[in-house]
Amino acid sequence: MPEVLFAGPDGRLEGRYHHAKDRGAPLALILHPHPLHGGTMNNRITYTMYQSFQKLGFSVMRFNFRGVGRSQGRYDGGFGEISDAAAALDWMQAVNPSHGGLWIAGYSFGAFVGMQLLMRRPEISGWISVAPPASHYDFGFLAPCPCGGLMIHGDADELVPEISVRKLVDKLNTQKNVSVDYRIFAGADHVFANHAEQIAEGIEDYVRKTMARRNMALAAD
């Protein structure tokens, strides 16, 4: 899990990167919660997602947004953080020119940034959103959403009511060729205090099934 430092739009950014043995391995970028509320790349759920993709054979990176940890700059209301994530993708793609696909996974504020990046980078082929802050940010920009993905939420989330995420999922699932797998964890709050293992299992199950379907489709062609 070597530390990496790479150029961001507002200075150096700090990350942790695992490089898969397979040169053609897919890539995953993990995005952490809100910088002004204690969110860092070492957040427990962020690290859980990182470990899940590593277990799945991905080359994977998590990093600190500007102003967090050793990353330079200062919080920019989400706009600069989207640019930070784009710089992280650029770095990963430069290191892995023969990668086998690109996934993005975010938790809370990181889920919002990840979905914004999804709309800007057509090479992203899969996404995971854990506790997306659908009651705090307008996700109407997902029109149309480029591809399906996985959303995870807790029915006891005290910050983001589950109904707001359900409405977002229902809206996305009306779009052509988009299928969102929505998994609700009973008793889980916004920090998923007792549900990290469930999140790992959900991500690994969804990604394995999605990759298997894609491989079958490629074989059929």
C-alpha atoms as a PDB file:
ATOM      1  CA  MET A   1       0.000   0.000   0.000  1.00  0.00           C
ATOM      2  CA  PRO A   2       2.603   2.584  -1.051  1.00  0.00           C
ATOM      3  CA  GLU A   3       2.040   6.268  -0.536  1.00  0.00           C
ATOM      4  CA  VAL A   4       1.803   8.273  -3.753  1.00  0.00           C
ATOM      5  CA  LEU A   5       1.997  12.011  -4.325  1.00  0.00           C
ATOM      6  CA  PHE A   6       0.673  13.363  -7.608  1.00  0.00           C
ATOM      7  CA  ALA A   7      -0.062  16.742  -9.141  1.00  0.00           C
ATOM      8  CA  GLY A   8      -3.545  18.106  -8.608  1.00  0.00           C
ATOM      9  CA  PRO A   9      -5.098  21.283  -9.984  1.00  0.00           C
ATOM     10  CA  ASP A  10      -4.417  23.159  -6.717  1.00  0.00           C
ATOM     11  CA  GLY A  11      -1.154  21.541  -5.618  1.00  0.00           C
ATOM     12  CA  ARG A  12       0.150  18.145  -4.603  1.00  0.00           C
ATOM     13  CA  LEU A  13      -2.352  15.427  -3.634  1.00  0.00           C
ATOM     14  CA  GLU A  14      -1.653  12.524  -1.285  1.00  0.00           C
ATOM     15  CA  GLY A  15      -2.905   9.003  -1.922  1.00  0.00           C
ATOM     16  CA  ARG A  16      -2.465   5.314  -1.205  1.00  0.00           C
ATOM     17  CA  TYR A  17      -2.207   3.018  -4.203  1.00  0.00           C
ATOM     18  CA  HIS A  18      -2.260  -0.750  -4.670  1.00  0.00           C
ATOM     19  CA  HIS A  19      -0.926  -1.991  -8.009  1.00  0.00           C
ATOM     20  CA  ALA A  20      -2.358  -5.304  -9.222  1.00  0.00           C
ATOM     21  CA  LYS A  21      -0.016  -7.964 -10.602  1.00  0.00           C
ATOM     22  CA  ASP A  22      -2.055  -8.296 -13.808  1.00  0.00           C
ATOM     23  CA  ARG A  23      -1.107  -5.535 -16.289  1.00  0.00           C
ATOM     24  CA  GLY A  24      -4.622  -5.654 -17.704  1.00  0.00           C
ATOM     25  CA  ALA A  25      -6.362  -5.388 -14.324  1.00  0.00           C
ATOM     26  CA  PRO A  26      -9.248  -2.943 -14.024  1.00  0.00           C
ATOM     27  CA  LEU A  27      -8.847   0.268 -12.005  1.00  0.00           C
ATOM     28  CA  ALA A  28     -10.879   1.643  -9.107  1.00  0.00           C
ATOM     29  CA  LEU A  29     -10.758   5.101  -7.526  1.00  0.00           C
ATOM     30  CA  ILE A  30     -12.182   5.520  -4.002  1.00  0.00           C
ATOM     31  CA  LEU A  31     -13.520   8.911  -2.812  1.00  0.00           C
ATOM     32  CA  HIS A  32     -13.851   9.857   0.868  1.00  0.00           C
ATOM     33  CA  PRO A  33     -16.566  11.768   2.814  1.00  0.00           C
ATOM     34  CA  HIS A  34     -16.828  15.518   3.371  1.00  0.00           C
ATOM     35  CA  PRO A  35     -13.504  17.206   4.186  1.00  0.00           C
ATOM     36  CA  LEU A  36     -15.142  19.697   6.573  1.00  0.00           C
ATOM     37  CA  HIS A  37     -16.739  16.920   8.617  1.00  0.00           C
ATOM     38  CA  GLY A  38     -13.660  14.815   9.254  1.00  0.00           C
ATOM     39  CA  GLY A  39     -13.639  12.906   5.969  1.00  0.00           C
ATOM     40  CA  THR A  40     -10.267  11.495   4.903  1.00  0.00           C
ATOM     41  CA  MET A  41      -8.964   8.614   2.793  1.00  0.00           C
ATOM     42  CA  ASN A  42      -8.477   6.693   6.061  1.00  0.00           C
ATOM     43  CA  ASN A  43     -12.183   6.770   6.867  1.00  0.00           C
ATOM     44  CA  ARG A  44     -13.317   3.270   7.858  1.00  0.00           C
ATOM     45  CA  ILE A  45     -15.860   2.811   5.051  1.00  0.00           C
ATOM     46  CA  THR A  46     -13.542   4.370   2.466  1.00  0.00           C
ATOM     47  CA  TYR A  47     -10.831   1.917   3.506  1.00  0.00           C
ATOM     48  CA  THR A  48     -13.328  -0.960   3.406  1.00  0.00           C
ATOM     49  CA  MET A  49     -14.142  -0.121  -0.216  1.00  0.00           C
ATOM     50  CA  TYR A  50     -10.442   0.121  -1.035  1.00  0.00           C
ATOM     51  CA  GLN A  51      -9.837  -3.342   0.428  1.00  0.00           C
ATOM     52  CA  SER A  52     -12.794  -4.801  -1.470  1.00  0.00           C
ATOM     53  CA  PHE A  53     -11.480  -3.690  -4.847  1.00  0.00           C
ATOM     54  CA  GLN A  54      -7.987  -4.886  -3.943  1.00  0.00           C
ATOM     55  CA  LYS A  55      -9.468  -8.302  -3.089  1.00  0.00           C
ATOM     56  CA  LEU A  56     -11.244  -8.303  -6.468  1.00  0.00           C
ATOM     57  CA  GLY A  57      -7.913  -7.960  -8.296  1.00  0.00           C
ATOM     58  CA  PHE A  58      -8.142  -4.264  -9.171  1.00  0.00           C
ATOM     59  CA  SER A  59      -5.397  -1.681  -9.122  1.00  0.00           C
ATOM     60  CA  VAL A  60      -6.964   0.733  -6.655  1.00  0.00           C
ATOM     61  CA  MET A  61      -6.302   4.146  -5.152  1.00  0.00           C
ATOM     62  CA  ARG A  62      -7.789   6.250  -2.410  1.00  0.00           C
ATOM     63  CA  PHE A  63      -6.580   9.806  -1.890  1.00  0.00           C
ATOM     64  CA  ASN A  64      -7.148  12.929   0.185  1.00  0.00           C
ATOM     65  CA  PHE A  65      -9.038  15.802  -1.397  1.00  0.00           C
ATOM     66  CA  ARG A  66      -7.351  19.218  -1.355  1.00  0.00           C
ATOM     67  CA  GLY A  67      -6.683  20.537   2.154  1.00  0.00           C
ATOM     68  CA  VAL A  68      -6.932  17.105   3.790  1.00  0.00           C
ATOM     69  CA  GLY A  69      -3.901  15.370   5.305  1.00  0.00           C
ATOM     70  CA  ARG A  70      -0.849  16.132   3.214  1.00  0.00           C
ATOM     71  CA  SER A  71      -2.862  17.251   0.181  1.00  0.00           C
ATOM     72  CA  GLN A  72      -2.313  20.896  -0.637  1.00  0.00           C
ATOM     73  CA  GLY A  73      -4.980  23.532  -1.254  1.00  0.00           C
ATOM     74  CA  ARG A  74      -8.233  24.204   0.547  1.00  0.00           C
ATOM     75  CA  TYR A  75     -11.819  22.979   0.394  1.00  0.00           C
ATOM     76  CA  ASP A  76     -13.625  24.266  -2.695  1.00  0.00           C
ATOM     77  CA  GLY A  77     -17.281  23.431  -2.182  1.00  0.00           C
ATOM     78  CA  GLY A  78     -17.161  20.308  -4.322  1.00  0.00           C
ATOM     79  CA  PHE A  79     -16.090  21.941  -7.572  1.00  0.00           C
ATOM     80  CA  GLY A  80     -12.348  21.704  -6.970  1.00  0.00           C
ATOM     81  CA  GLU A  81     -12.781  18.262  -5.448  1.00  0.00           C
ATOM     82  CA  ILE A  82     -14.226  16.995  -8.747  1.00  0.00           C
ATOM     83  CA  SER A  83     -11.072  18.277 -10.434  1.00  0.00           C
ATOM     84  CA  ASP A  84      -8.957  16.524  -7.785  1.00  0.00           C
ATOM     85  CA  ALA A  85     -10.701  13.231  -8.570  1.00  0.00           C
ATOM     86  CA  ALA A  86     -10.151  13.783 -12.300  1.00  0.00           C
ATOM     87  CA  ALA A  87      -6.426  14.304 -11.627  1.00  0.00           C
ATOM     88  CA  ALA A  88      -6.365  11.044  -9.656  1.00  0.00           C
ATOM     89  CA  LEU A  89      -7.958   9.229 -12.606  1.00  0.00           C
ATOM     90  CA  ASP A  90      -5.393  10.755 -14.952  1.00  0.00           C
ATOM     91  CA  TRP A  91      -2.576   9.498 -12.726  1.00  0.00           C
ATOM     92  CA  MET A  92      -3.997   5.977 -12.522  1.00  0.00           C
ATOM     93  CA  GLN A  93      -4.564   5.752 -16.265  1.00  0.00           C
ATOM     94  CA  ALA A  94      -1.023   6.987 -16.979  1.00  0.00           C
ATOM     95  CA  VAL A  95       0.404   4.274 -14.714  1.00  0.00           C
ATOM     96  CA  ASN A  96      -1.931   1.632 -16.211  1.00  0.00           C
ATOM     97  CA  PRO A  97      -2.170   2.242 -19.988  1.00  0.00           C
ATOM     98  CA  SER A  98      -3.475  -1.302 -20.615  1.00  0.00           C
ATOM     99  CA  HIS A  99      -6.076  -1.391 -17.841  1.00  0.00           C
ATOM    100  CA  GLY A 100      -9.231  -3.450 -18.143  1.00  0.00           C
ATOM    101  CA  GLY A 101     -11.852  -0.864 -17.278  1.00  0.00           C
ATOM    102  CA  LEU A 102     -12.366   1.926 -14.770  1.00  0.00           C
ATOM    103  CA  TRP A 103     -14.640   2.017 -11.701  1.00  0.00           C
ATOM    104  CA  ILE A 104     -15.351   4.821  -9.278  1.00  0.00           C
ATOM    105  CA  ALA A 105     -16.614   4.362  -5.727  1.00  0.00           C
ATOM    106  CA  GLY A 106     -17.567   7.079  -3.261  1.00  0.00           C
ATOM    107  CA  TYR A 107     -18.989   7.351   0.229  1.00  0.00           C
ATOM    108  CA  SER A 108     -21.319  10.223   1.243  1.00  0.00           C
ATOM    109  CA  PHE A 109     -19.783  13.448  -0.177  1.00  0.00           C
ATOM    110  CA  GLY A 110     -17.419  11.186  -2.134  1.00  0.00           C
ATOM    111  CA  ALA A 111     -20.449   9.551  -3.764  1.00  0.00           C
ATOM    112  CA  PHE A 112     -21.621  12.957  -5.007  1.00  0.00           C
ATOM    113  CA  VAL A 113     -18.164  13.778  -6.400  1.00  0.00           C
ATOM    114  CA  GLY A 114     -17.970  10.330  -7.998  1.00  0.00           C
ATOM    115  CA  MET A 115     -21.282  10.731  -9.798  1.00  0.00           C
ATOM    116  CA  GLN A 116     -20.238  14.171 -11.050  1.00  0.00           C
ATOM    117  CA  LEU A 117     -17.048  12.641 -12.405  1.00  0.00           C
ATOM    118  CA  LEU A 118     -19.042   9.836 -14.022  1.00  0.00           C
ATOM    119  CA  MET A 119     -20.759  12.426 -16.206  1.00  0.00           C
ATOM    120  CA  ARG A 120     -17.444  13.953 -17.261  1.00  0.00           C
ATOM    121  CA  ARG A 121     -15.400  10.836 -17.988  1.00  0.00           C
ATOM    122  CA  PRO A 122     -17.001   8.450 -20.490  1.00  0.00           C
ATOM    123  CA  GLU A 123     -14.310   5.824 -19.878  1.00  0.00           C
ATOM    124  CA  ILE A 124     -15.775   5.060 -16.424  1.00  0.00           C
ATOM    125  CA  SER A 125     -17.501   1.699 -16.793  1.00  0.00           C
ATOM    126  CA  GLY A 126     -18.895   1.075 -13.301  1.00  0.00           C
ATOM    127  CA  TRP A 127     -19.723   2.895 -10.087  1.00  0.00           C
ATOM    128  CA  ILE A 128     -20.557   2.395  -6.422  1.00  0.00           C
ATOM    129  CA  SER A 129     -22.310   5.034  -4.299  1.00  0.00           C
ATOM    130  CA  VAL A 130     -22.534   4.448  -0.545  1.00  0.00           C
ATOM    131  CA  ALA A 131     -24.878   6.790   1.356  1.00  0.00           C
ATOM    132  CA  PRO A 132     -25.180   9.297  -1.511  1.00  0.00           C
ATOM    133  CA  PRO A 133     -26.314  12.647  -0.030  1.00  0.00           C
ATOM    134  CA  ALA A 134     -29.439  12.867  -2.186  1.00  0.00           C
ATOM    135  CA  SER A 135     -31.206  15.175   0.287  1.00  0.00           C
ATOM    136  CA  HIS A 136     -28.288  17.658   0.360  1.00  0.00           C
ATOM    137  CA  TYR A 137     -27.275  17.871  -3.311  1.00  0.00           C
ATOM    138  CA  ASP A 138     -29.235  17.911  -6.552  1.00  0.00           C
ATOM    139  CA  PHE A 139     -28.427  14.747  -8.524  1.00  0.00           C
ATOM    140  CA  GLY A 140     -30.467  15.940 -11.492  1.00  0.00           C
ATOM    141  CA  PHE A 141     -27.256  16.165 -13.520  1.00  0.00           C
ATOM    142  CA  LEU A 142     -27.494  12.376 -14.000  1.00  0.00           C
ATOM    143  CA  ALA A 143     -29.583  12.843 -17.123  1.00  0.00           C
ATOM    144  CA  PRO A 144     -28.900  10.587 -18.760  1.00  0.00           C
ATOM    145  CA  CYS A 145     -26.795   8.453 -16.459  1.00  0.00           C
ATOM    146  CA  PRO A 146     -24.095   6.781 -18.623  1.00  0.00           C
ATOM    147  CA  CYS A 147     -24.315   3.336 -17.019  1.00  0.00           C
ATOM    148  CA  GLY A 148     -25.795   1.369 -14.150  1.00  0.00           C
ATOM    149  CA  GLY A 149     -24.203   0.886 -10.758  1.00  0.00           C
ATOM    150  CA  LEU A 150     -24.690  -0.010  -7.113  1.00  0.00           C
ATOM    151  CA  MET A 151     -26.191   2.217  -4.426  1.00  0.00           C
ATOM    152  CA  ILE A 152     -26.034   1.274  -0.740  1.00  0.00           C
ATOM    153  CA  HIS A 153     -27.909   3.089   1.993  1.00  0.00           C
ATOM    154  CA  GLY A 154     -29.009   2.557   5.577  1.00  0.00           C
ATOM    155  CA  ASP A 155     -32.654   2.712   6.592  1.00  0.00           C
ATOM    156  CA  ALA A 156     -31.614   4.439   9.847  1.00  0.00           C
ATOM    157  CA  ASP A 157     -29.498   7.137   8.179  1.00  0.00           C
ATOM    158  CA  GLU A 158     -30.009  10.232  10.321  1.00  0.00           C
ATOM    159  CA  LEU A 159     -28.404  12.650   7.828  1.00  0.00           C
ATOM    160  CA  VAL A 160     -29.806  11.447   4.501  1.00  0.00           C
ATOM    161  CA  PRO A 161     -33.366  10.045   4.685  1.00  0.00           C
ATOM    162  CA  GLU A 162     -33.621   6.741   2.852  1.00  0.00           C
ATOM    163  CA  ILE A 163     -36.659   7.956   0.896  1.00  0.00           C
ATOM    164  CA  SER A 164     -34.511  10.618  -0.836  1.00  0.00           C
ATOM    165  CA  VAL A 165     -32.126   7.956  -2.127  1.00  0.00           C
ATOM    166  CA  ARG A 166     -34.999   5.683  -3.137  1.00  0.00           C
ATOM    167  CA  LYS A 167     -36.475   8.502  -5.247  1.00  0.00           C
ATOM    168  CA  LEU A 168     -33.112   8.993  -6.950  1.00  0.00           C
ATOM    169  CA  VAL A 169     -32.779   5.275  -7.672  1.00  0.00           C
ATOM    170  CA  ASP A 170     -36.328   5.078  -9.044  1.00  0.00           C
ATOM    171  CA  LYS A 171     -35.645   8.041 -11.318  1.00  0.00           C
ATOM    172  CA  LEU A 172     -32.406   6.534 -12.629  1.00  0.00           C
ATOM    173  CA  ASN A 173     -34.067   3.174 -13.244  1.00  0.00           C
ATOM    174  CA  THR A 174     -36.567   4.802 -15.620  1.00  0.00           C
ATOM    175  CA  GLN A 175     -33.686   5.737 -17.941  1.00  0.00           C
ATOM    176  CA  LYS A 176     -32.977   3.606 -20.967  1.00  0.00           C
ATOM    177  CA  ASN A 177     -30.228   0.989 -20.523  1.00  0.00           C
ATOM    178  CA  VAL A 178     -29.635   1.992 -16.876  1.00  0.00           C
ATOM    179  CA  SER A 179     -30.096  -0.477 -14.040  1.00  0.00           C
ATOM    180  CA  VAL A 180     -29.245   0.571 -10.489  1.00  0.00           C
ATOM    181  CA  ASP A 181     -28.886  -2.181  -7.894  1.00  0.00           C
ATOM    182  CA  TYR A 182     -30.196  -0.598  -4.667  1.00  0.00           C
ATOM    183  CA  ARG A 183     -29.341  -2.324  -1.389  1.00  0.00           C
ATOM    184  CA  ILE A 184     -30.804  -1.059   1.886  1.00  0.00           C
ATOM    185  CA  PHE A 185     -29.140  -2.161   5.121  1.00  0.00           C
ATOM    186  CA  ALA A 186     -31.533  -2.514   8.032  1.00  0.00           C
ATOM    187  CA  GLY A 187     -30.459  -0.582  11.117  1.00  0.00           C
ATOM    188  CA  ALA A 188     -27.536   1.147   9.387  1.00  0.00           C
ATOM    189  CA  ASP A 189     -26.932   4.825  10.132  1.00  0.00           C
ATOM    190  CA  HIS A 190     -24.907   7.268   8.018  1.00  0.00           C
ATOM    191  CA  VAL A 191     -21.558   6.058   9.368  1.00  0.00           C
ATOM    192  CA  PHE A 192     -22.494   2.362   9.010  1.00  0.00           C
ATOM    193  CA  ALA A 193     -21.185   1.766  12.529  1.00  0.00           C
ATOM    194  CA  ASN A 194     -21.824  -1.984  12.448  1.00  0.00           C
ATOM    195  CA  HIS A 195     -22.122  -2.637   8.727  1.00  0.00           C
ATOM    196  CA  ALA A 196     -18.631  -2.345   7.179  1.00  0.00           C
ATOM    197  CA  GLU A 197     -18.508  -6.074   6.511  1.00  0.00           C
ATOM    198  CA  GLN A 198     -21.901  -5.949   4.799  1.00  0.00           C
ATOM    199  CA  ILE A 199     -20.685  -3.126   2.560  1.00  0.00           C
ATOM    200  CA  ALA A 200     -17.639  -5.172   1.566  1.00  0.00           C
ATOM    201  CA  GLU A 201     -19.802  -8.190   0.769  1.00  0.00           C
ATOM    202  CA  GLY A 202     -22.252  -6.089  -1.244  1.00  0.00           C
ATOM    203  CA  ILE A 203     -19.528  -4.456  -3.329  1.00  0.00           C
ATOM    204  CA  GLU A 204     -17.712  -7.707  -4.016  1.00  0.00           C
ATOM    205  CA  ASP A 205     -20.945  -9.477  -4.979  1.00  0.00           C
ATOM    206  CA  TYR A 206     -22.063  -6.690  -7.318  1.00  0.00           C
ATOM    207  CA  VAL A 207     -18.695  -6.181  -9.019  1.00  0.00           C
ATOM    208  CA  ARG A 208     -18.114  -9.911  -9.558  1.00  0.00           C
ATOM    209  CA  LYS A 209     -21.561 -10.367 -11.120  1.00  0.00           C
ATOM    210  CA  THR A 210     -21.210  -7.267 -13.299  1.00  0.00           C
ATOM    211  CA  MET A 211     -17.754  -8.254 -14.558  1.00  0.00           C
ATOM    212  CA  ALA A 212     -18.958 -11.811 -15.259  1.00  0.00           C
ATOM    213  CA  ARG A 213     -21.892 -10.493 -17.323  1.00  0.00           C
ATOM    214  CA  ARG A 214     -19.581  -8.258 -19.334  1.00  0.00           C
ATOM    215  CA  ASN A 215     -17.144 -11.081 -19.994  1.00  0.00           C
ATOM    216  CA  MET A 216     -20.005 -13.281 -21.191  1.00  0.00           C
ATOM    217  CA  ALA A 217     -21.238 -10.542 -23.492  1.00  0.00           C
ATOM    218  CA  LEU A 218     -17.728 -10.072 -24.940  1.00  0.00           C
ATOM    219  CA  ALA A 219     -17.398 -13.829 -25.458  1.00  0.00           C
ATOM    220  CA  ALA A 220     -20.756 -13.893 -27.257  1.00  0.00           C
ATOM    221  CA  ASP A 221     -19.593 -11.170 -29.637  1.00  0.00           C
END
